[in-house]
PDB file of N, CA and C in Angstrom:
ATOM      1  N   UNK A   1     121.862 261.005  58.692  1.00  0.00           N
ATOM      2  CA  UNK A   1     121.648 260.871  60.116  1.00  0.00           C
ATOM      3  C   UNK A   1     121.565 259.388  60.486  1.00  0.00           C
ATOM      4  N   UNK A   2     122.439 258.939  61.330  1.00  0.00           N
ATOM      5  CA  UNK A   2     122.432 257.553  61.766  1.00  0.00           C
ATOM      6  C   UNK A   2     121.674 257.466  63.087  1.00  0.00           C
ATOM      7  N   UNK A   3     120.658 256.639  63.101  1.00  0.00           N
ATOM      8  CA  UNK A   3     119.868 256.458  64.315  1.00  0.00           C
ATOM      9  C   UNK A   3     120.685 255.647  65.315  1.00  0.00           C
ATOM     10  N   UNK A   4     120.304 255.723  66.579  1.00  0.00           N
ATOM     11  CA  UNK A   4     121.038 254.997  67.606  1.00  0.00           C
ATOM     12  C   UNK A   4     120.747 253.505  67.598  1.00  0.00           C
ATOM     13  N   UNK A   5     119.920 253.046  66.677  1.00  0.00           N
ATOM     14  CA  UNK A   5     119.619 251.618  66.559  1.00  0.00           C
ATOM     15  C   UNK A   5     120.393 250.972  65.419  1.00  0.00           C
ATOM     16  N   UNK A   6     121.274 251.717  64.774  1.00  0.00           N
ATOM     17  CA  UNK A   6     122.046 251.203  63.657  1.00  0.00           C
ATOM     18  C   UNK A   6     121.521 251.740  62.344  1.00  0.00           C
ATOM     19  N   UNK A   7     121.963 251.099  61.261  1.00  0.00           N
ATOM     20  CA  UNK A   7     121.499 251.537  59.949  1.00  0.00           C
ATOM     21  C   UNK A   7     121.496 250.377  58.968  1.00  0.00           C
ATOM     22  N   UNK A   8     120.735 250.563  57.904  1.00  0.00           N
ATOM     23  CA  UNK A   8     120.690 249.605  56.814  1.00  0.00           C
ATOM     24  C   UNK A   8     121.596 250.112  55.704  1.00  0.00           C
ATOM     25  N   UNK A   9     122.397 249.221  55.147  1.00  0.00           N
ATOM     26  CA  UNK A   9     123.270 249.549  54.028  1.00  0.00           C
ATOM     27  C   UNK A   9     122.778 248.776  52.812  1.00  0.00           C
ATOM     28  N   UNK A  10     122.525 249.461  51.723  1.00  0.00           N
ATOM     29  CA  UNK A  10     122.098 248.817  50.484  1.00  0.00           C
ATOM     30  C   UNK A  10     123.277 248.884  49.511  1.00  0.00           C
ATOM     31  N   UNK A  11     123.837 247.731  49.189  1.00  0.00           N
ATOM     32  CA  UNK A  11     124.955 247.632  48.251  1.00  0.00           C
ATOM     33  C   UNK A  11     124.411 247.223  46.890  1.00  0.00           C
ATOM     34  N   UNK A  12     124.670 248.049  45.874  1.00  0.00           N
ATOM     35  CA  UNK A  12     124.125 247.785  44.550  1.00  0.00           C
ATOM     36  C   UNK A  12     125.103 248.220  43.471  1.00  0.00           C
ATOM     37  N   UNK A  13     125.100 247.521  42.336  1.00  0.00           N
ATOM     38  CA  UNK A  13     125.932 247.968  41.221  1.00  0.00           C
ATOM     39  C   UNK A  13     125.374 249.263  40.645  1.00  0.00           C
ATOM     40  N   UNK A  14     126.262 250.096  40.159  1.00  0.00           N
ATOM     41  CA  UNK A  14     125.867 251.379  39.589  1.00  0.00           C
ATOM     42  C   UNK A  14     125.673 251.214  38.078  1.00  0.00           C
ATOM     43  N   UNK A  15     124.726 250.370  37.692  1.00  0.00           N
ATOM     44  CA  UNK A  15     124.462 250.088  36.288  1.00  0.00           C
ATOM     45  C   UNK A  15     122.999 250.373  35.971  1.00  0.00           C
ATOM     46  N   UNK A  16     122.746 250.830  34.769  1.00  0.00           N
ATOM     47  CA  UNK A  16     121.378 251.141  34.353  1.00  0.00           C
ATOM     48  C   UNK A  16     120.486 249.899  34.378  1.00  0.00           C
ATOM     49  N   UNK A  17     121.049 248.734  34.106  1.00  0.00           N
ATOM     50  CA  UNK A  17     120.248 247.508  34.068  1.00  0.00           C
ATOM     51  C   UNK A  17     119.701 247.111  35.439  1.00  0.00           C
ATOM     52  N   UNK A  18     120.256 247.659  36.510  1.00  0.00           N
ATOM     53  CA  UNK A  18     119.837 247.307  37.872  1.00  0.00           C
ATOM     54  C   UNK A  18     118.951 248.361  38.517  1.00  0.00           C
ATOM     55  N   UNK A  19     118.685 249.447  37.823  1.00  0.00           N
ATOM     56  CA  UNK A  19     117.959 250.562  38.442  1.00  0.00           C
ATOM     57  C   UNK A  19     116.561 250.194  38.927  1.00  0.00           C
ATOM     58  N   UNK A  20     115.846 249.386  38.143  1.00  0.00           N
ATOM     59  CA  UNK A  20     114.487 249.010  38.537  1.00  0.00           C
ATOM     60  C   UNK A  20     114.510 248.177  39.822  1.00  0.00           C
ATOM     61  N   UNK A  21     115.404 247.186  39.888  1.00  0.00           N
ATOM     62  CA  UNK A  21     115.539 246.360  41.089  1.00  0.00           C
ATOM     63  C   UNK A  21     115.979 247.214  42.277  1.00  0.00           C
ATOM     64  N   UNK A  22     116.931 248.120  42.048  1.00  0.00           N
ATOM     65  CA  UNK A  22     117.412 248.980  43.134  1.00  0.00           C
ATOM     66  C   UNK A  22     116.293 249.864  43.663  1.00  0.00           C
ATOM     67  N   UNK A  23     115.477 250.406  42.770  1.00  0.00           N
ATOM     68  CA  UNK A  23     114.373 251.271  43.199  1.00  0.00           C
ATOM     69  C   UNK A  23     113.426 250.513  44.134  1.00  0.00           C
ATOM     70  N   UNK A  24     113.102 249.273  43.788  1.00  0.00           N
ATOM     71  CA  UNK A  24     112.210 248.444  44.591  1.00  0.00           C
ATOM     72  C   UNK A  24     112.831 248.141  45.959  1.00  0.00           C
ATOM     73  N   UNK A  25     114.081 247.717  45.974  1.00  0.00           N
ATOM     74  CA  UNK A  25     114.748 247.346  47.227  1.00  0.00           C
ATOM     75  C   UNK A  25     115.006 248.576  48.086  1.00  0.00           C
ATOM     76  N   UNK A  26     115.366 249.685  47.450  1.00  0.00           N
ATOM     77  CA  UNK A  26     115.585 250.930  48.191  1.00  0.00           C
ATOM     78  C   UNK A  26     114.291 251.388  48.866  1.00  0.00           C
ATOM     79  N   UNK A  27     113.164 251.277  48.172  1.00  0.00           N
ATOM     80  CA  UNK A  27     111.885 251.662  48.767  1.00  0.00           C
ATOM     81  C   UNK A  27     111.561 250.798  49.978  1.00  0.00           C
ATOM     82  N   UNK A  28     111.809 249.491  49.869  1.00  0.00           N
ATOM     83  CA  UNK A  28     111.558 248.585  50.995  1.00  0.00           C
ATOM     84  C   UNK A  28     112.501 248.893  52.158  1.00  0.00           C
ATOM     85  N   UNK A  29     113.764 249.161  51.863  1.00  0.00           N
ATOM     86  CA  UNK A  29     114.735 249.482  52.914  1.00  0.00           C
ATOM     87  C   UNK A  29     114.399 250.817  53.579  1.00  0.00           C
ATOM     88  N   UNK A  30     113.970 251.806  52.788  1.00  0.00           N
ATOM     89  CA  UNK A  30     113.572 253.103  53.350  1.00  0.00           C
ATOM     90  C   UNK A  30     112.383 252.953  54.287  1.00  0.00           C
ATOM     91  N   UNK A  31     111.396 252.164  53.869  1.00  0.00           N
ATOM     92  CA  UNK A  31     110.213 251.948  54.703  1.00  0.00           C
ATOM     93  C   UNK A  31     110.608 251.269  56.013  1.00  0.00           C
ATOM     94  N   UNK A  32     111.445 250.255  55.923  1.00  0.00           N
ATOM     95  CA  UNK A  32     111.909 249.537  57.113  1.00  0.00           C
ATOM     96  C   UNK A  32     112.692 250.470  58.029  1.00  0.00           C
ATOM     97  N   UNK A  33     113.613 251.238  57.457  1.00  0.00           N
ATOM     98  CA  UNK A  33     114.435 252.158  58.249  1.00  0.00           C
ATOM     99  C   UNK A  33     113.568 253.212  58.935  1.00  0.00           C
ATOM    100  N   UNK A  34     112.600 253.749  58.213  1.00  0.00           N
ATOM    101  CA  UNK A  34     111.723 254.784  58.781  1.00  0.00           C
ATOM    102  C   UNK A  34     110.893 254.227  59.937  1.00  0.00           C
ATOM    103  N   UNK A  35     110.299 253.043  59.739  1.00  0.00           N
ATOM    104  CA  UNK A  35     109.449 252.453  60.770  1.00  0.00           C
ATOM    105  C   UNK A  35     110.228 252.065  62.026  1.00  0.00           C
ATOM    106  N   UNK A  36     111.501 251.678  61.865  1.00  0.00           N
ATOM    107  CA  UNK A  36     112.292 251.200  63.006  1.00  0.00           C
ATOM    108  C   UNK A  36     113.320 252.221  63.490  1.00  0.00           C
ATOM    109  N   UNK A  37     113.250 253.439  62.971  1.00  0.00           N
ATOM    110  CA  UNK A  37     114.158 254.512  63.373  1.00  0.00           C
ATOM    111  C   UNK A  37     115.636 254.120  63.148  1.00  0.00           C
ATOM    112  N   UNK A  38     115.898 253.614  61.950  1.00  0.00           N
ATOM    113  CA  UNK A  38     117.258 253.241  61.556  1.00  0.00           C
ATOM    114  C   UNK A  38     117.758 254.210  60.493  1.00  0.00           C
ATOM    115  N   UNK A  39     119.067 254.319  60.389  1.00  0.00           N
ATOM    116  CA  UNK A  39     119.655 255.087  59.301  1.00  0.00           C
ATOM    117  C   UNK A  39     119.629 254.260  58.019  1.00  0.00           C
ATOM    118  N   UNK A  40     119.903 254.897  56.902  1.00  0.00           N
ATOM    119  CA  UNK A  40     119.941 254.203  55.616  1.00  0.00           C
ATOM    120  C   UNK A  40     121.062 254.788  54.781  1.00  0.00           C
ATOM    121  N   UNK A  41     121.822 253.916  54.132  1.00  0.00           N
ATOM    122  CA  UNK A  41     122.908 254.360  53.261  1.00  0.00           C
ATOM    123  C   UNK A  41     122.923 253.475  52.012  1.00  0.00           C
ATOM    124  N   UNK A  42     123.059 254.112  50.852  1.00  0.00           N
ATOM    125  CA  UNK A  42     123.172 253.384  49.587  1.00  0.00           C
ATOM    126  C   UNK A  42     124.644 253.410  49.193  1.00  0.00           C
ATOM    127  N   UNK A  43     125.204 252.228  48.923  1.00  0.00           N
ATOM    128  CA  UNK A  43     126.605 252.103  48.528  1.00  0.00           C
ATOM    129  C   UNK A  43     126.629 251.539  47.117  1.00  0.00           C
ATOM    130  N   UNK A  44     127.203 252.297  46.178  1.00  0.00           N
ATOM    131  CA  UNK A  44     127.213 251.878  44.780  1.00  0.00           C
ATOM    132  C   UNK A  44     128.535 251.205  44.421  1.00  0.00           C
ATOM    133  N   UNK A  45     128.426 250.093  43.702  1.00  0.00           N
ATOM    134  CA  UNK A  45     129.596 249.417  43.133  1.00  0.00           C
ATOM    135  C   UNK A  45     129.777 249.936  41.715  1.00  0.00           C
ATOM    136  N   UNK A  46     130.995 249.987  41.267  1.00  0.00           N
ATOM    137  CA  UNK A  46     131.250 250.351  39.872  1.00  0.00           C
ATOM    138  C   UNK A  46     131.545 249.088  39.089  1.00  0.00           C
ATOM    139  N   UNK A  47     131.054 249.058  37.861  1.00  0.00           N
ATOM    140  CA  UNK A  47     131.425 247.963  36.976  1.00  0.00           C
ATOM    141  C   UNK A  47     130.465 246.794  36.965  1.00  0.00           C
ATOM    142  N   UNK A  48     130.928 245.651  37.447  1.00  0.00           N
ATOM    143  CA  UNK A  48     130.231 244.373  37.261  1.00  0.00           C
ATOM    144  C   UNK A  48     128.823 244.360  37.842  1.00  0.00           C
ATOM    145  N   UNK A  49     127.980 243.569  37.178  1.00  0.00           N
ATOM    146  CA  UNK A  49     126.611 243.388  37.660  1.00  0.00           C
ATOM    147  C   UNK A  49     126.604 242.298  38.728  1.00  0.00           C
ATOM    148  N   UNK A  50     126.215 242.661  39.908  1.00  0.00           N
ATOM    149  CA  UNK A  50     126.150 241.736  41.037  1.00  0.00           C
ATOM    150  C   UNK A  50     124.759 241.819  41.641  1.00  0.00           C
ATOM    151  N   UNK A  51     124.413 240.874  42.496  1.00  0.00           N
ATOM    152  CA  UNK A  51     123.134 241.000  43.202  1.00  0.00           C
ATOM    153  C   UNK A  51     123.137 242.253  44.090  1.00  0.00           C
ATOM    154  N   UNK A  52     121.952 242.675  44.463  1.00  0.00           N
ATOM    155  CA  UNK A  52     121.810 243.800  45.392  1.00  0.00           C
ATOM    156  C   UNK A  52     121.692 243.212  46.788  1.00  0.00           C
ATOM    157  N   UNK A  53     122.460 243.761  47.722  1.00  0.00           N
ATOM    158  CA  UNK A  53     122.495 243.257  49.090  1.00  0.00           C
ATOM    159  C   UNK A  53     122.018 244.338  50.050  1.00  0.00           C
ATOM    160  N   UNK A  54     121.380 243.914  51.140  1.00  0.00           N
ATOM    161  CA  UNK A  54     121.036 244.813  52.238  1.00  0.00           C
ATOM    162  C   UNK A  54     121.697 244.252  53.492  1.00  0.00           C
ATOM    163  N   UNK A  55     122.451 245.103  54.176  1.00  0.00           N
ATOM    164  CA  UNK A  55     123.155 244.736  55.401  1.00  0.00           C
ATOM    165  C   UNK A  55     122.637 245.577  56.558  1.00  0.00           C
ATOM    166  N   UNK A  56     122.821 245.064  57.761  1.00  0.00           N
ATOM    167  CA  UNK A  56     122.550 245.829  58.981  1.00  0.00           C
ATOM    168  C   UNK A  56     123.891 246.133  59.630  1.00  0.00           C
ATOM    169  N   UNK A  57     124.086 247.377  60.036  1.00  0.00           N
ATOM    170  CA  UNK A  57     125.325 247.791  60.711  1.00  0.00           C
ATOM    171  C   UNK A  57     124.973 248.562  61.966  1.00  0.00           C
ATOM    172  N   UNK A  58     125.636 248.188  63.051  1.00  0.00           N
ATOM    173  CA  UNK A  58     125.428 248.864  64.335  1.00  0.00           C
ATOM    174  C   UNK A  58     126.780 249.314  64.866  1.00  0.00           C
ATOM    175  N   UNK A  59     127.022 250.607  64.819  1.00  0.00           N
ATOM    176  CA  UNK A  59     128.264 251.159  65.340  1.00  0.00           C
ATOM    177  C   UNK A  59     129.492 250.646  64.608  1.00  0.00           C
ATOM    178  N   UNK A  60     130.489 250.195  65.394  1.00  0.00           N
ATOM    179  CA  UNK A  60     131.751 249.740  64.827  1.00  0.00           C
ATOM    180  C   UNK A  60     131.728 248.264  64.436  1.00  0.00           C
ATOM    181  N   UNK A  61     130.625 247.582  64.687  1.00  0.00           N
ATOM    182  CA  UNK A  61     130.524 246.159  64.341  1.00  0.00           C
ATOM    183  C   UNK A  61     130.551 245.973  62.825  1.00  0.00           C
ATOM    184  N   UNK A  62     130.969 244.784  62.406  1.00  0.00           N
ATOM    185  CA  UNK A  62     130.946 244.441  60.993  1.00  0.00           C
ATOM    186  C   UNK A  62     129.489 244.374  60.523  1.00  0.00           C
ATOM    187  N   UNK A  63     129.217 244.841  59.301  1.00  0.00           N
ATOM    188  CA  UNK A  63     127.848 244.719  58.785  1.00  0.00           C
ATOM    189  C   UNK A  63     127.472 243.249  58.615  1.00  0.00           C
ATOM    190  N   UNK A  64     126.220 242.945  58.867  1.00  0.00           N
ATOM    191  CA  UNK A  64     125.726 241.575  58.733  1.00  0.00           C
ATOM    192  C   UNK A  64     124.671 241.551  57.625  1.00  0.00           C
ATOM    193  N   UNK A  65     124.753 240.573  56.705  1.00  0.00           N
ATOM    194  CA  UNK A  65     123.793 240.547  55.593  1.00  0.00           C
ATOM    195  C   UNK A  65     122.390 240.171  56.057  1.00  0.00           C
ATOM    196  N   UNK A  66     121.413 240.889  55.508  1.00  0.00           N
ATOM    197  CA  UNK A  66     120.007 240.621  55.799  1.00  0.00           C
ATOM    198  C   UNK A  66     119.263 240.091  54.582  1.00  0.00           C
ATOM    199  N   UNK A  67     119.665 240.559  53.404  1.00  0.00           N
ATOM    200  CA  UNK A  67     118.886 240.253  52.206  1.00  0.00           C
ATOM    201  C   UNK A  67     119.787 240.281  50.980  1.00  0.00           C
ATOM    202  N   UNK A  68     119.525 239.383  50.037  1.00  0.00           N
ATOM    203  CA  UNK A  68     120.227 239.350  48.753  1.00  0.00           C
ATOM    204  C   UNK A  68     119.188 239.211  47.646  1.00  0.00           C
ATOM    205  N   UNK A  69     119.207 240.116  46.697  1.00  0.00           N
ATOM    206  CA  UNK A  69     118.280 240.082  45.576  1.00  0.00           C
ATOM    207  C   UNK A  69     119.013 239.541  44.354  1.00  0.00           C
ATOM    208  N   UNK A  70     118.849 238.261  44.089  1.00  0.00           N
ATOM    209  CA  UNK A  70     119.530 237.632  42.960  1.00  0.00           C
ATOM    210  C   UNK A  70     118.738 237.777  41.668  1.00  0.00           C
ATOM    211  N   UNK A  71     117.442 237.566  41.748  1.00  0.00           N
ATOM    212  CA  UNK A  71     116.652 237.528  40.520  1.00  0.00           C
ATOM    213  C   UNK A  71     115.740 238.731  40.321  1.00  0.00           C
ATOM    214  N   UNK A  72     115.529 239.535  41.343  1.00  0.00           N
ATOM    215  CA  UNK A  72     114.735 240.744  41.208  1.00  0.00           C
ATOM    216  C   UNK A  72     113.251 240.535  40.995  1.00  0.00           C
ATOM    217  N   UNK A  73     112.714 239.404  41.406  1.00  0.00           N
ATOM    218  CA  UNK A  73     111.302 239.125  41.167  1.00  0.00           C
ATOM    219  C   UNK A  73     110.452 239.237  42.428  1.00  0.00           C
ATOM    220  N   UNK A  74     110.918 239.945  43.425  1.00  0.00           N
ATOM    221  CA  UNK A  74     110.154 240.080  44.658  1.00  0.00           C
ATOM    222  C   UNK A  74     109.496 241.449  44.729  1.00  0.00           C
ATOM    223  N   UNK A  75     108.393 241.504  45.452  1.00  0.00           N
ATOM    224  CA  UNK A  75     107.688 242.768  45.650  1.00  0.00           C
ATOM    225  C   UNK A  75     108.307 243.502  46.838  1.00  0.00           C
ATOM    226  N   UNK A  76     108.028 244.807  46.966  1.00  0.00           N
ATOM    227  CA  UNK A  76     108.543 245.546  48.129  1.00  0.00           C
ATOM    228  C   UNK A  76     108.072 244.944  49.456  1.00  0.00           C
ATOM    229  N   UNK A  77     106.850 244.418  49.481  1.00  0.00           N
ATOM    230  CA  UNK A  77     106.337 243.815  50.713  1.00  0.00           C
ATOM    231  C   UNK A  77     107.139 242.573  51.086  1.00  0.00           C
ATOM    232  N   UNK A  78     107.516 241.762  50.093  1.00  0.00           N
ATOM    233  CA  UNK A  78     108.319 240.574  50.352  1.00  0.00           C
ATOM    234  C   UNK A  78     109.711 240.943  50.860  1.00  0.00           C
ATOM    235  N   UNK A  79     110.279 242.002  50.300  1.00  0.00           N
ATOM    236  CA  UNK A  79     111.601 242.460  50.745  1.00  0.00           C
ATOM    237  C   UNK A  79     111.513 242.960  52.183  1.00  0.00           C
ATOM    238  N   UNK A  80     110.497 243.756  52.494  1.00  0.00           N
ATOM    239  CA  UNK A  80     110.300 244.246  53.876  1.00  0.00           C
ATOM    240  C   UNK A  80     110.152 243.082  54.843  1.00  0.00           C
ATOM    241  N   UNK A  81     109.384 242.096  54.452  1.00  0.00           N
ATOM    242  CA  UNK A  81     109.174 240.923  55.311  1.00  0.00           C
ATOM    243  C   UNK A  81     110.483 240.177  55.548  1.00  0.00           C
ATOM    244  N   UNK A  82     111.289 240.028  54.503  1.00  0.00           N
ATOM    245  CA  UNK A  82     112.575 239.344  54.636  1.00  0.00           C
ATOM    246  C   UNK A  82     113.516 240.132  55.552  1.00  0.00           C
ATOM    247  N   UNK A  83     113.553 241.440  55.390  1.00  0.00           N
ATOM    248  CA  UNK A  83     114.395 242.283  56.258  1.00  0.00           C
ATOM    249  C   UNK A  83     113.945 242.173  57.706  1.00  0.00           C
ATOM    250  N   UNK A  84     112.630 242.286  57.902  1.00  0.00           N
ATOM    251  CA  UNK A  84     112.085 242.217  59.259  1.00  0.00           C
ATOM    252  C   UNK A  84     112.372 240.867  59.909  1.00  0.00           C
ATOM    253  N   UNK A  85     112.233 239.795  59.164  1.00  0.00           N
ATOM    254  CA  UNK A  85     112.483 238.451  59.706  1.00  0.00           C
ATOM    255  C   UNK A  85     113.929 238.288  60.141  1.00  0.00           C
ATOM    256  N   UNK A  86     114.847 238.728  59.303  1.00  0.00           N
ATOM    257  CA  UNK A  86     116.272 238.595  59.650  1.00  0.00           C
ATOM    258  C   UNK A  86     116.637 239.479  60.846  1.00  0.00           C
ATOM    259  N   UNK A  87     116.077 240.673  60.904  1.00  0.00           N
ATOM    260  CA  UNK A  87     116.367 241.566  62.031  1.00  0.00           C
ATOM    261  C   UNK A  87     115.793 240.994  63.324  1.00  0.00           C
ATOM    262  N   UNK A  88     114.633 240.358  63.236  1.00  0.00           N
ATOM    263  CA  UNK A  88     114.047 239.740  64.417  1.00  0.00           C
ATOM    264  C   UNK A  88     114.956 238.634  64.938  1.00  0.00           C
ATOM    265  N   UNK A  89     115.451 237.789  64.045  1.00  0.00           N
ATOM    266  CA  UNK A  89     116.371 236.719  64.453  1.00  0.00           C
ATOM    267  C   UNK A  89     117.638 237.302  65.068  1.00  0.00           C
ATOM    268  N   UNK A  90     118.195 238.333  64.440  1.00  0.00           N
ATOM    269  CA  UNK A  90     119.412 238.958  64.976  1.00  0.00           C
ATOM    270  C   UNK A  90     119.181 239.614  66.335  1.00  0.00           C
ATOM    271  N   UNK A  91     117.952 239.996  66.622  1.00  0.00           N
ATOM    272  CA  UNK A  91     117.668 240.665  67.894  1.00  0.00           C
ATOM    273  C   UNK A  91     117.891 239.745  69.090  1.00  0.00           C
ATOM    274  N   UNK A  92     117.993 238.448  68.857  1.00  0.00           N
ATOM    275  CA  UNK A  92     118.267 237.505  69.940  1.00  0.00           C
ATOM    276  C   UNK A  92     119.755 237.266  70.145  1.00  0.00           C
ATOM    277  N   UNK A  93     120.572 237.763  69.240  1.00  0.00           N
ATOM    278  CA  UNK A  93     122.023 237.585  69.360  1.00  0.00           C
ATOM    279  C   UNK A  93     122.569 238.665  70.301  1.00  0.00           C
ATOM    280  N   UNK A  94     123.415 238.293  71.257  1.00  0.00           N
ATOM    281  CA  UNK A  94     123.924 239.279  72.224  1.00  0.00           C
ATOM    282  C   UNK A  94     124.737 240.408  71.589  1.00  0.00           C
ATOM    283  N   UNK A  95     125.253 240.185  70.413  1.00  0.00           N
ATOM    284  CA  UNK A  95     126.068 241.194  69.732  1.00  0.00           C
ATOM    285  C   UNK A  95     125.227 242.370  69.225  1.00  0.00           C
ATOM    286  N   UNK A  96     123.926 242.166  69.051  1.00  0.00           N
ATOM    287  CA  UNK A  96     123.060 243.190  68.471  1.00  0.00           C
ATOM    288  C   UNK A  96     122.043 243.699  69.487  1.00  0.00           C
ATOM    289  N   UNK A  97     122.530 244.323  70.535  1.00  0.00           N
ATOM    290  CA  UNK A  97     121.683 244.835  71.617  1.00  0.00           C
ATOM    291  C   UNK A  97     120.719 245.914  71.126  1.00  0.00           C
ATOM    292  N   UNK A  98     121.137 246.692  70.129  1.00  0.00           N
ATOM    293  CA  UNK A  98     120.251 247.738  69.602  1.00  0.00           C
ATOM    294  C   UNK A  98     118.986 247.130  69.007  1.00  0.00           C
ATOM    295  N   UNK A  99     119.121 245.989  68.338  1.00  0.00           N
ATOM    296  CA  UNK A  99     117.936 245.325  67.791  1.00  0.00           C
ATOM    297  C   UNK A  99     117.088 244.704  68.892  1.00  0.00           C
ATOM    298  N   UNK A 100     117.726 244.244  69.944  1.00  0.00           N
ATOM    299  CA  UNK A 100     116.964 243.684  71.072  1.00  0.00           C
ATOM    300  C   UNK A 100     116.061 244.755  71.666  1.00  0.00           C
ATOM    301  N   UNK A 101     116.558 245.997  71.726  1.00  0.00           N
ATOM    302  CA  UNK A 101     115.767 247.089  72.304  1.00  0.00           C
ATOM    303  C   UNK A 101     114.539 247.433  71.447  1.00  0.00           C
ATOM    304  N   UNK A 102     114.596 247.161  70.150  1.00  0.00           N
ATOM    305  CA  UNK A 102     113.462 247.490  69.291  1.00  0.00           C
ATOM    306  C   UNK A 102     112.746 246.240  68.792  1.00  0.00           C
ATOM    307  N   UNK A 103     112.951 245.117  69.451  1.00  0.00           N
ATOM    308  CA  UNK A 103     112.343 243.849  69.014  1.00  0.00           C
ATOM    309  C   UNK A 103     110.826 243.958  68.885  1.00  0.00           C
ATOM    310  N   UNK A 104     110.165 244.610  69.838  1.00  0.00           N
ATOM    311  CA  UNK A 104     108.706 244.739  69.770  1.00  0.00           C
ATOM    312  C   UNK A 104     108.275 245.534  68.541  1.00  0.00           C
ATOM    313  N   UNK A 105     109.041 246.564  68.197  1.00  0.00           N
ATOM    314  CA  UNK A 105     108.723 247.352  67.002  1.00  0.00           C
ATOM    315  C   UNK A 105     108.935 246.519  65.732  1.00  0.00           C
ATOM    316  N   UNK A 106     109.936 245.661  65.754  1.00  0.00           N
ATOM    317  CA  UNK A 106     110.190 244.787  64.600  1.00  0.00           C
ATOM    318  C   UNK A 106     109.013 243.827  64.415  1.00  0.00           C
ATOM    319  N   UNK A 107     108.516 243.287  65.509  1.00  0.00           N
ATOM    320  CA  UNK A 107     107.389 242.353  65.433  1.00  0.00           C
ATOM    321  C   UNK A 107     106.128 243.055  64.934  1.00  0.00           C
ATOM    322  N   UNK A 108     105.866 244.257  65.452  1.00  0.00           N
ATOM    323  CA  UNK A 108     104.648 245.000  65.068  1.00  0.00           C
ATOM    324  C   UNK A 108     104.678 245.479  63.638  1.00  0.00           C
ATOM    325  N   UNK A 109     105.860 245.820  63.136  1.00  0.00           N
ATOM    326  CA  UNK A 109     105.993 246.370  61.791  1.00  0.00           C
ATOM    327  C   UNK A 109     105.637 245.326  60.743  1.00  0.00           C
ATOM    328  N   UNK A 110     104.720 245.654  59.860  1.00  0.00           N
ATOM    329  CA  UNK A 110     104.401 244.727  58.777  1.00  0.00           C
ATOM    330  C   UNK A 110     104.157 245.457  57.482  1.00  0.00           C
TER     331      UNK A 110
END
């Protein structure tokens, strides 16, 4: 179910070595999506080990990156904070009107 405010896309390699990092980032993305009434989609890469990325997508617009997990040493709270900060900044861009409508919820969410 895609909410009318857009959705978060989590891009991750489909490798056993990344499962722990993916679990942490997925939990943070799920919490963020639930609190802000956003959709969530996990997109798996095959093969190479790459960082895990979280993007924001609204309708037909190109997804915009919000977060990149290079080293996997962040807590779920730090990931949520990073997602929230980037979404707050994007809420001022005219291209992301859906985020502008939920700006107050983004600020309140912690």
